[in-house]
């Protein structure tokens, strides 16, 4: 069950990134995202291995619950951050994209087609 959850979370995360990041930004940032995932796995497993005997099972449940609640509380932040940042590409409809339209950014009004 844990493998299924991990796979779905990674797929959901990269789906979000594909919807909110331009191709150029993706080329620059996806490597760091992958490195962060690998580094997090190494650090997380090392911490658990070190403290597995020192913390009781109910203690681990409280720790994991606190981490899950913290992450859940911050889950909406990336969507709000993308709305006003340069990560997202210019707004363009799928029909215009199929016709080859290339939107440009305005200096004063953000995005225009």
C-alpha atoms as a PDB file:
ATOM      1  CA  UNK A   1       0.000   0.000   0.000  1.00  0.00           C
ATOM      2  CA  UNK A   2       2.884   2.374   0.746  1.00  0.00           C
ATOM      3  CA  UNK A   3       4.345   1.912  -2.734  1.00  0.00           C
ATOM      4  CA  UNK A   4       1.002   2.727  -4.332  1.00  0.00           C
ATOM      5  CA  UNK A   5       0.640   5.886  -2.222  1.00  0.00           C
ATOM      6  CA  UNK A   6       4.195   7.003  -3.034  1.00  0.00           C
ATOM      7  CA  UNK A   7       3.701   6.402  -6.740  1.00  0.00           C
ATOM      8  CA  UNK A   8       0.427   8.324  -6.813  1.00  0.00           C
ATOM      9  CA  UNK A   9       1.908  11.242  -4.865  1.00  0.00           C
ATOM     10  CA  UNK A  10       4.879  11.521  -7.222  1.00  0.00           C
ATOM     11  CA  UNK A  11       2.575  11.361 -10.260  1.00  0.00           C
ATOM     12  CA  UNK A  12       0.264  13.995  -8.766  1.00  0.00           C
ATOM     13  CA  UNK A  13       3.190  16.255  -7.924  1.00  0.00           C
ATOM     14  CA  UNK A  14       4.638  16.131 -11.434  1.00  0.00           C
ATOM     15  CA  UNK A  15       1.165  16.645 -12.925  1.00  0.00           C
ATOM     16  CA  UNK A  16       0.922  19.832 -10.872  1.00  0.00           C
ATOM     17  CA  UNK A  17       4.369  20.917 -12.055  1.00  0.00           C
ATOM     18  CA  UNK A  18       3.516  20.247 -15.695  1.00  0.00           C
ATOM     19  CA  UNK A  19       0.450  22.474 -15.359  1.00  0.00           C
ATOM     20  CA  UNK A  20       2.254  25.305 -13.600  1.00  0.00           C
ATOM     21  CA  UNK A  21       5.811  25.452 -14.976  1.00  0.00           C
ATOM     22  CA  UNK A  22       7.070  26.449 -18.420  1.00  0.00           C
ATOM     23  CA  UNK A  23       9.349  24.136 -20.374  1.00  0.00           C
ATOM     24  CA  UNK A  24      12.388  26.335 -19.764  1.00  0.00           C
ATOM     25  CA  UNK A  25      11.725  26.520 -16.029  1.00  0.00           C
ATOM     26  CA  UNK A  26      11.186  22.754 -15.952  1.00  0.00           C
ATOM     27  CA  UNK A  27      14.591  22.137 -17.534  1.00  0.00           C
ATOM     28  CA  UNK A  28      16.196  24.312 -14.869  1.00  0.00           C
ATOM     29  CA  UNK A  29      14.264  23.059 -11.837  1.00  0.00           C
ATOM     30  CA  UNK A  30      13.279  19.406 -12.277  1.00  0.00           C
ATOM     31  CA  UNK A  31      16.784  18.187 -11.490  1.00  0.00           C
ATOM     32  CA  UNK A  32      16.690  19.971  -8.135  1.00  0.00           C
ATOM     33  CA  UNK A  33      13.243  18.538  -7.440  1.00  0.00           C
ATOM     34  CA  UNK A  34      14.506  15.006  -8.104  1.00  0.00           C
ATOM     35  CA  UNK A  35      17.621  15.601  -6.033  1.00  0.00           C
ATOM     36  CA  UNK A  36      15.462  16.870  -3.165  1.00  0.00           C
ATOM     37  CA  UNK A  37      13.344  13.718  -3.317  1.00  0.00           C
ATOM     38  CA  UNK A  38      16.376  11.447  -3.210  1.00  0.00           C
ATOM     39  CA  UNK A  39      18.014  13.499  -0.447  1.00  0.00           C
ATOM     40  CA  UNK A  40      14.782  13.448   1.571  1.00  0.00           C
ATOM     41  CA  UNK A  41      14.589   9.675   1.263  1.00  0.00           C
ATOM     42  CA  UNK A  42      18.161   9.243   2.446  1.00  0.00           C
ATOM     43  CA  UNK A  43      17.804  11.645   5.374  1.00  0.00           C
ATOM     44  CA  UNK A  44      14.401  10.253   6.375  1.00  0.00           C
ATOM     45  CA  UNK A  45      15.520   6.652   6.379  1.00  0.00           C
ATOM     46  CA  UNK A  46      18.714   7.537   8.253  1.00  0.00           C
ATOM     47  CA  UNK A  47      16.791   9.398  10.961  1.00  0.00           C
ATOM     48  CA  UNK A  48      14.307   6.547  11.365  1.00  0.00           C
ATOM     49  CA  UNK A  49      17.084   3.951  11.473  1.00  0.00           C
ATOM     50  CA  UNK A  50      18.906   5.962  14.154  1.00  0.00           C
ATOM     51  CA  UNK A  51      15.875   6.567  16.401  1.00  0.00           C
ATOM     52  CA  UNK A  52      13.716   3.475  15.754  1.00  0.00           C
ATOM     53  CA  UNK A  53      14.669   1.888  19.078  1.00  0.00           C
ATOM     54  CA  UNK A  54      14.537   5.122  21.104  1.00  0.00           C
ATOM     55  CA  UNK A  55      10.934   6.031  20.311  1.00  0.00           C
ATOM     56  CA  UNK A  56       7.949   3.839  21.168  1.00  0.00           C
ATOM     57  CA  UNK A  57       5.393   2.879  18.488  1.00  0.00           C
ATOM     58  CA  UNK A  58       2.798   5.353  19.839  1.00  0.00           C
ATOM     59  CA  UNK A  59       5.521   8.001  19.753  1.00  0.00           C
ATOM     60  CA  UNK A  60       6.202   7.244  16.085  1.00  0.00           C
ATOM     61  CA  UNK A  61       2.480   7.551  15.377  1.00  0.00           C
ATOM     62  CA  UNK A  62       2.453  11.023  16.946  1.00  0.00           C
ATOM     63  CA  UNK A  63       5.567  12.055  15.034  1.00  0.00           C
ATOM     64  CA  UNK A  64       4.185  10.792  11.715  1.00  0.00           C
ATOM     65  CA  UNK A  65       0.819  12.421  12.413  1.00  0.00           C
ATOM     66  CA  UNK A  66       2.505  15.768  13.109  1.00  0.00           C
ATOM     67  CA  UNK A  67       4.527  15.518   9.893  1.00  0.00           C
ATOM     68  CA  UNK A  68       1.428  14.582   7.885  1.00  0.00           C
ATOM     69  CA  UNK A  69      -0.594  17.469   9.349  1.00  0.00           C
ATOM     70  CA  UNK A  70       2.232  19.901   8.662  1.00  0.00           C
ATOM     71  CA  UNK A  71       2.513  18.757   5.055  1.00  0.00           C
ATOM     72  CA  UNK A  72      -1.257  18.855   4.630  1.00  0.00           C
ATOM     73  CA  UNK A  73      -1.307  22.393   5.969  1.00  0.00           C
ATOM     74  CA  UNK A  74       1.288  23.455   3.410  1.00  0.00           C
ATOM     75  CA  UNK A  75      -0.144  21.515   0.473  1.00  0.00           C
ATOM     76  CA  UNK A  76      -2.120  24.494  -0.820  1.00  0.00           C
ATOM     77  CA  UNK A  77       0.829  26.902  -0.657  1.00  0.00           C
ATOM     78  CA  UNK A  78       2.440  25.938  -3.995  1.00  0.00           C
ATOM     79  CA  UNK A  79      -0.770  26.619  -5.889  1.00  0.00           C
ATOM     80  CA  UNK A  80      -1.071  30.048  -4.328  1.00  0.00           C
ATOM     81  CA  UNK A  81       2.583  30.824  -4.962  1.00  0.00           C
ATOM     82  CA  UNK A  82       2.343  29.902  -8.634  1.00  0.00           C
ATOM     83  CA  UNK A  83      -0.527  32.320  -9.256  1.00  0.00           C
ATOM     84  CA  UNK A  84       1.709  35.355  -8.847  1.00  0.00           C
ATOM     85  CA  UNK A  85       5.121  34.056  -9.875  1.00  0.00           C
ATOM     86  CA  UNK A  86       7.088  33.599 -13.059  1.00  0.00           C
ATOM     87  CA  UNK A  87       6.920  29.791 -12.842  1.00  0.00           C
ATOM     88  CA  UNK A  88       3.706  29.550 -14.810  1.00  0.00           C
ATOM     89  CA  UNK A  89       3.726  30.119 -18.519  1.00  0.00           C
ATOM     90  CA  UNK A  90       1.510  32.682 -20.205  1.00  0.00           C
ATOM     91  CA  UNK A  91      -2.199  31.899 -20.243  1.00  0.00           C
ATOM     92  CA  UNK A  92      -3.273  30.508 -23.576  1.00  0.00           C
ATOM     93  CA  UNK A  93      -6.231  28.361 -24.515  1.00  0.00           C
ATOM     94  CA  UNK A  94      -5.689  24.834 -25.862  1.00  0.00           C
ATOM     95  CA  UNK A  95      -7.334  25.851 -29.166  1.00  0.00           C
ATOM     96  CA  UNK A  96      -4.945  28.790 -29.602  1.00  0.00           C
ATOM     97  CA  UNK A  97      -2.031  26.574 -28.650  1.00  0.00           C
ATOM     98  CA  UNK A  98      -2.995  24.107 -31.404  1.00  0.00           C
ATOM     99  CA  UNK A  99      -3.019  26.984 -33.898  1.00  0.00           C
ATOM    100  CA  UNK A 100       0.515  27.886 -32.873  1.00  0.00           C
ATOM    101  CA  UNK A 101      -0.269  31.129 -31.029  1.00  0.00           C
ATOM    102  CA  UNK A 102       2.608  32.485 -28.965  1.00  0.00           C
ATOM    103  CA  UNK A 103       1.548  34.670 -26.017  1.00  0.00           C
ATOM    104  CA  UNK A 104       3.783  37.453 -24.742  1.00  0.00           C
ATOM    105  CA  UNK A 105       4.183  39.083 -21.362  1.00  0.00           C
ATOM    106  CA  UNK A 106       3.271  42.711 -20.840  1.00  0.00           C
ATOM    107  CA  UNK A 107       5.433  44.783 -18.511  1.00  0.00           C
ATOM    108  CA  UNK A 108       2.473  46.357 -16.757  1.00  0.00           C
ATOM    109  CA  UNK A 109      -0.387  43.878 -16.988  1.00  0.00           C
ATOM    110  CA  UNK A 110       1.262  40.470 -16.641  1.00  0.00           C
ATOM    111  CA  UNK A 111       0.146  38.201 -19.459  1.00  0.00           C
ATOM    112  CA  UNK A 112      -1.451  39.072 -22.747  1.00  0.00           C
ATOM    113  CA  UNK A 113      -2.082  37.079 -25.883  1.00  0.00           C
END
